N, C-alpha and C. Protein backbone atom coordinates (compact mmCIF):
# COMPACT_ATOMS: atom_id res chain seq x y z
N MET A 1 46.23 -35.28 -101.40
CA MET A 1 44.88 -34.75 -101.35
C MET A 1 44.19 -34.94 -102.70
N ILE A 2 44.90 -34.60 -103.78
CA ILE A 2 44.31 -34.76 -105.11
C ILE A 2 44.14 -36.24 -105.44
N ASP A 3 45.11 -37.04 -105.00
CA ASP A 3 44.99 -38.49 -105.21
C ASP A 3 43.76 -39.04 -104.50
N ASP A 4 43.48 -38.50 -103.29
CA ASP A 4 42.29 -38.95 -102.56
C ASP A 4 41.03 -38.60 -103.33
N LEU A 5 40.99 -37.41 -103.92
CA LEU A 5 39.79 -37.01 -104.67
C LEU A 5 39.63 -37.87 -105.92
N ILE A 6 40.75 -38.19 -106.58
CA ILE A 6 40.67 -39.06 -107.76
C ILE A 6 40.18 -40.46 -107.33
N GLY A 7 40.72 -40.94 -106.20
CA GLY A 7 40.27 -42.24 -105.70
C GLY A 7 38.80 -42.24 -105.34
N LEU A 8 38.34 -41.11 -104.76
CA LEU A 8 36.92 -40.98 -104.42
C LEU A 8 36.06 -41.06 -105.68
N TYR A 9 36.48 -40.35 -106.73
CA TYR A 9 35.72 -40.36 -107.98
C TYR A 9 35.69 -41.76 -108.57
N ARG A 10 36.85 -42.43 -108.59
CA ARG A 10 36.91 -43.77 -109.17
C ARG A 10 36.08 -44.76 -108.35
N THR A 11 36.12 -44.62 -107.03
CA THR A 11 35.39 -45.57 -106.18
C THR A 11 33.90 -45.44 -106.40
N VAL A 12 33.41 -44.19 -106.40
CA VAL A 12 31.97 -44.00 -106.59
C VAL A 12 31.58 -44.36 -108.02
N ASN A 13 32.46 -44.06 -108.97
CA ASN A 13 32.13 -44.27 -110.38
C ASN A 13 32.11 -45.74 -110.74
N SER A 14 32.97 -46.55 -110.10
CA SER A 14 33.05 -47.95 -110.49
C SER A 14 31.94 -48.78 -109.85
N GLY A 15 31.16 -48.20 -108.95
CA GLY A 15 30.06 -48.92 -108.35
C GLY A 15 30.45 -49.80 -107.20
N ARG A 16 31.74 -49.72 -106.74
CA ARG A 16 32.12 -50.45 -105.54
C ARG A 16 31.51 -49.77 -104.33
N THR A 17 31.90 -50.20 -103.15
CA THR A 17 31.27 -49.67 -101.94
C THR A 17 31.50 -48.18 -101.83
N VAL A 18 30.41 -47.45 -101.58
CA VAL A 18 30.52 -46.01 -101.43
C VAL A 18 31.22 -45.66 -100.12
N MET A 19 31.17 -46.58 -99.14
CA MET A 19 31.84 -46.32 -97.86
C MET A 19 33.32 -46.07 -98.06
N ASN A 20 33.93 -46.79 -99.00
CA ASN A 20 35.34 -46.60 -99.29
C ASN A 20 35.61 -45.16 -99.70
N GLY A 21 34.78 -44.64 -100.59
CA GLY A 21 34.93 -43.26 -101.04
C GLY A 21 34.67 -42.27 -99.91
N VAL A 22 33.69 -42.57 -99.06
CA VAL A 22 33.41 -41.69 -97.93
C VAL A 22 34.60 -41.66 -96.98
N MET A 23 35.24 -42.82 -96.79
CA MET A 23 36.41 -42.86 -95.91
C MET A 23 37.56 -42.04 -96.50
N LEU A 24 37.74 -42.09 -97.81
CA LEU A 24 38.79 -41.29 -98.43
C LEU A 24 38.54 -39.81 -98.22
N ALA A 25 37.29 -39.37 -98.42
CA ALA A 25 36.96 -37.96 -98.23
C ALA A 25 37.14 -37.57 -96.77
N GLY A 26 36.77 -38.45 -95.85
CA GLY A 26 36.94 -38.15 -94.43
C GLY A 26 38.40 -38.01 -94.06
N LYS A 27 39.25 -38.89 -94.63
CA LYS A 27 40.68 -38.79 -94.34
C LYS A 27 41.25 -37.47 -94.85
N ALA A 28 40.83 -37.05 -96.03
CA ALA A 28 41.32 -35.78 -96.59
C ALA A 28 40.91 -34.61 -95.70
N SER A 29 39.66 -34.59 -95.24
CA SER A 29 39.21 -33.48 -94.41
C SER A 29 39.87 -33.51 -93.05
N ILE A 30 40.11 -34.70 -92.48
CA ILE A 30 40.79 -34.79 -91.18
C ILE A 30 42.22 -34.28 -91.30
N ALA A 31 42.90 -34.65 -92.39
CA ALA A 31 44.27 -34.18 -92.57
C ALA A 31 44.31 -32.66 -92.69
N PHE A 32 43.35 -32.08 -93.43
CA PHE A 32 43.32 -30.63 -93.59
C PHE A 32 43.06 -29.94 -92.25
N ALA A 33 42.10 -30.45 -91.48
CA ALA A 33 41.79 -29.85 -90.17
C ALA A 33 43.00 -29.95 -89.23
N PHE A 34 43.72 -31.07 -89.29
CA PHE A 34 44.91 -31.24 -88.47
C PHE A 34 45.98 -30.21 -88.83
N LEU A 35 46.17 -29.98 -90.14
CA LEU A 35 47.17 -29.00 -90.57
C LEU A 35 46.80 -27.60 -90.10
N VAL A 36 45.50 -27.25 -90.19
CA VAL A 36 45.07 -25.92 -89.74
C VAL A 36 45.32 -25.76 -88.24
N ALA A 37 44.99 -26.80 -87.47
CA ALA A 37 45.18 -26.73 -86.02
C ALA A 37 46.66 -26.58 -85.68
N VAL A 38 47.53 -27.35 -86.35
CA VAL A 38 48.96 -27.26 -86.08
C VAL A 38 49.48 -25.87 -86.43
N GLY A 39 49.01 -25.31 -87.55
CA GLY A 39 49.45 -23.97 -87.95
C GLY A 39 49.06 -22.91 -86.93
N PHE A 40 47.81 -22.98 -86.44
CA PHE A 40 47.37 -22.01 -85.43
C PHE A 40 48.19 -22.17 -84.15
N PHE A 41 48.42 -23.40 -83.74
CA PHE A 41 49.17 -23.64 -82.51
C PHE A 41 50.58 -23.08 -82.61
N LEU A 42 51.26 -23.38 -83.72
CA LEU A 42 52.63 -22.90 -83.89
C LEU A 42 52.67 -21.38 -83.93
N THR A 43 51.72 -20.78 -84.64
CA THR A 43 51.72 -19.33 -84.78
C THR A 43 51.52 -18.65 -83.44
N TYR A 44 50.52 -19.09 -82.69
CA TYR A 44 50.23 -18.41 -81.43
C TYR A 44 51.22 -18.76 -80.34
N THR A 45 51.94 -19.87 -80.47
CA THR A 45 52.90 -20.24 -79.45
C THR A 45 54.23 -19.52 -79.64
N PHE A 46 54.73 -19.52 -80.89
CA PHE A 46 56.10 -19.07 -81.11
C PHE A 46 56.22 -17.68 -81.70
N ALA A 47 55.22 -17.20 -82.44
CA ALA A 47 55.38 -15.92 -83.12
C ALA A 47 55.58 -14.75 -82.14
N PRO A 48 54.83 -14.63 -81.03
CA PRO A 48 55.08 -13.50 -80.12
C PRO A 48 56.46 -13.58 -79.47
N LYS A 49 56.99 -14.81 -79.26
CA LYS A 49 58.29 -14.94 -78.61
C LYS A 49 59.43 -14.65 -79.58
N LEU A 50 59.22 -14.92 -80.85
CA LEU A 50 60.29 -14.72 -81.81
C LEU A 50 60.62 -13.24 -81.96
N TYR A 51 59.60 -12.43 -82.14
CA TYR A 51 59.86 -11.01 -82.34
C TYR A 51 58.74 -10.19 -81.72
N SER A 52 59.06 -9.32 -80.80
CA SER A 52 58.05 -8.47 -80.18
C SER A 52 58.50 -7.02 -80.22
N GLY A 53 58.93 -6.57 -81.41
CA GLY A 53 59.40 -5.19 -81.56
C GLY A 53 58.35 -4.32 -82.22
N PRO A 54 58.78 -3.36 -83.04
CA PRO A 54 57.83 -2.49 -83.75
C PRO A 54 56.91 -3.29 -84.68
N ASP A 55 55.73 -2.74 -84.91
CA ASP A 55 54.72 -3.49 -85.69
C ASP A 55 55.16 -3.73 -87.12
N GLY A 56 55.91 -2.79 -87.69
CA GLY A 56 56.32 -2.94 -89.08
C GLY A 56 57.18 -4.18 -89.29
N LEU A 57 58.09 -4.43 -88.34
CA LEU A 57 58.98 -5.58 -88.49
C LEU A 57 58.30 -6.87 -88.07
N GLN A 58 57.20 -6.76 -87.30
CA GLN A 58 56.50 -7.99 -86.92
C GLN A 58 55.84 -8.63 -88.13
N LEU A 59 55.57 -7.82 -89.15
CA LEU A 59 55.01 -8.37 -90.39
C LEU A 59 55.95 -9.40 -91.00
N ILE A 60 57.26 -9.16 -90.86
CA ILE A 60 58.24 -10.11 -91.40
C ILE A 60 58.08 -11.46 -90.73
N THR A 61 57.83 -11.44 -89.42
CA THR A 61 57.64 -12.71 -88.70
C THR A 61 56.43 -13.45 -89.22
N TRP A 62 55.32 -12.71 -89.47
CA TRP A 62 54.12 -13.38 -89.97
C TRP A 62 54.35 -13.94 -91.37
N VAL A 63 55.12 -13.20 -92.19
CA VAL A 63 55.42 -13.72 -93.54
C VAL A 63 56.25 -14.99 -93.45
N LEU A 64 57.24 -14.99 -92.55
CA LEU A 64 58.05 -16.20 -92.37
C LEU A 64 57.20 -17.36 -91.90
N TYR A 65 56.25 -17.08 -91.01
CA TYR A 65 55.38 -18.16 -90.54
C TYR A 65 54.46 -18.66 -91.63
N ALA A 66 54.02 -17.76 -92.51
CA ALA A 66 53.20 -18.21 -93.63
C ALA A 66 54.01 -19.14 -94.53
N LEU A 67 55.26 -18.79 -94.79
CA LEU A 67 56.11 -19.65 -95.62
C LEU A 67 56.36 -21.00 -94.94
N ALA A 68 56.62 -20.96 -93.62
CA ALA A 68 56.83 -22.21 -92.89
C ALA A 68 55.57 -23.07 -92.92
N GLY A 69 54.40 -22.42 -92.83
CA GLY A 69 53.14 -23.17 -92.91
C GLY A 69 52.96 -23.83 -94.26
N LEU A 70 53.34 -23.10 -95.33
CA LEU A 70 53.25 -23.70 -96.66
C LEU A 70 54.19 -24.89 -96.79
N LEU A 71 55.39 -24.78 -96.24
CA LEU A 71 56.32 -25.91 -96.28
C LEU A 71 55.77 -27.10 -95.50
N LEU A 72 55.19 -26.82 -94.31
CA LEU A 72 54.59 -27.90 -93.53
C LEU A 72 53.46 -28.56 -94.30
N PHE A 73 52.63 -27.72 -94.96
CA PHE A 73 51.52 -28.27 -95.72
C PHE A 73 52.01 -29.16 -96.84
N ALA A 74 53.07 -28.73 -97.54
CA ALA A 74 53.63 -29.54 -98.63
C ALA A 74 54.17 -30.87 -98.08
N PHE A 75 54.86 -30.79 -96.94
CA PHE A 75 55.44 -31.99 -96.35
C PHE A 75 54.37 -32.99 -95.94
N PHE A 76 53.31 -32.47 -95.26
CA PHE A 76 52.27 -33.38 -94.78
C PHE A 76 51.44 -33.93 -95.94
N SER A 77 51.22 -33.11 -96.98
CA SER A 77 50.47 -33.63 -98.12
C SER A 77 51.30 -34.66 -98.87
N PHE A 78 52.64 -34.51 -98.84
CA PHE A 78 53.50 -35.54 -99.42
C PHE A 78 53.38 -36.83 -98.63
N LEU A 79 53.28 -36.73 -97.28
CA LEU A 79 53.13 -37.93 -96.45
C LEU A 79 51.73 -38.51 -96.52
N ALA A 80 50.73 -37.68 -96.86
CA ALA A 80 49.34 -38.12 -96.77
C ALA A 80 49.03 -39.23 -97.77
N GLY A 81 49.71 -39.25 -98.92
CA GLY A 81 49.45 -40.28 -99.92
C GLY A 81 49.72 -41.69 -99.40
N PRO A 82 50.96 -41.98 -98.97
CA PRO A 82 51.23 -43.33 -98.45
C PRO A 82 50.40 -43.68 -97.22
N VAL A 83 50.18 -42.69 -96.33
CA VAL A 83 49.40 -42.98 -95.12
C VAL A 83 47.97 -43.34 -95.48
N ALA A 84 47.37 -42.57 -96.42
CA ALA A 84 46.01 -42.88 -96.84
C ALA A 84 45.95 -44.25 -97.50
N LEU A 85 46.98 -44.58 -98.27
CA LEU A 85 47.02 -45.90 -98.91
C LEU A 85 47.06 -47.01 -97.86
N LEU A 86 47.92 -46.84 -96.84
CA LEU A 86 48.00 -47.85 -95.79
C LEU A 86 46.68 -47.97 -95.04
N LEU A 87 46.07 -46.81 -94.70
CA LEU A 87 44.79 -46.85 -93.99
C LEU A 87 43.73 -47.54 -94.84
N ASN A 88 43.75 -47.24 -96.13
CA ASN A 88 42.74 -47.80 -97.02
C ASN A 88 42.89 -49.31 -97.14
N VAL A 89 44.12 -49.79 -97.30
CA VAL A 89 44.35 -51.23 -97.42
C VAL A 89 43.96 -51.93 -96.12
N GLY A 90 44.36 -51.30 -94.98
CA GLY A 90 44.03 -51.90 -93.69
C GLY A 90 42.53 -51.96 -93.46
N ALA A 91 41.83 -50.89 -93.81
CA ALA A 91 40.38 -50.88 -93.63
C ALA A 91 39.72 -51.89 -94.55
N GLY A 92 40.24 -52.01 -95.76
CA GLY A 92 39.68 -53.00 -96.69
C GLY A 92 39.87 -54.41 -96.19
N MET A 93 41.04 -54.69 -95.63
CA MET A 93 41.29 -56.03 -95.10
C MET A 93 40.43 -56.31 -93.88
N LEU A 94 40.24 -55.29 -93.02
CA LEU A 94 39.40 -55.50 -91.85
C LEU A 94 37.94 -55.68 -92.24
N GLY A 95 37.48 -54.85 -93.18
CA GLY A 95 36.06 -54.85 -93.51
C GLY A 95 35.62 -56.09 -94.26
N ARG A 96 36.48 -56.56 -95.16
CA ARG A 96 36.05 -57.67 -96.02
C ARG A 96 36.64 -59.00 -95.59
N GLY A 97 37.73 -58.96 -94.82
CA GLY A 97 38.36 -60.21 -94.41
C GLY A 97 39.16 -60.88 -95.50
N LYS A 98 39.47 -60.14 -96.56
CA LYS A 98 40.29 -60.72 -97.63
C LYS A 98 41.16 -59.62 -98.21
N LYS A 99 42.28 -60.04 -98.81
CA LYS A 99 43.18 -59.06 -99.41
C LYS A 99 42.78 -58.83 -100.86
N ARG A 100 43.18 -57.62 -101.34
CA ARG A 100 42.85 -57.33 -102.75
C ARG A 100 43.87 -57.95 -103.67
């Protein structure tokens, strides 16, 4: 995510195509929205089934889910760098018809 923002700044700053920078920002926002959707889906699907006892102990389940969400976020942001790079190279090759 931070790499995408740095790439966005460099792309706009160097005077190359602004579309490249817009695509980087779009990919970052799409990845974030995807992570939020996956987190909500997992929470509402599995949390009531995991523990449905007294309310005090249900807090433990929500804390565990928050930790799992943070781990998922770290994992996907680790994957987002290479994926964004591949998408960027592919889009550049398609758009310009030449390799960098």
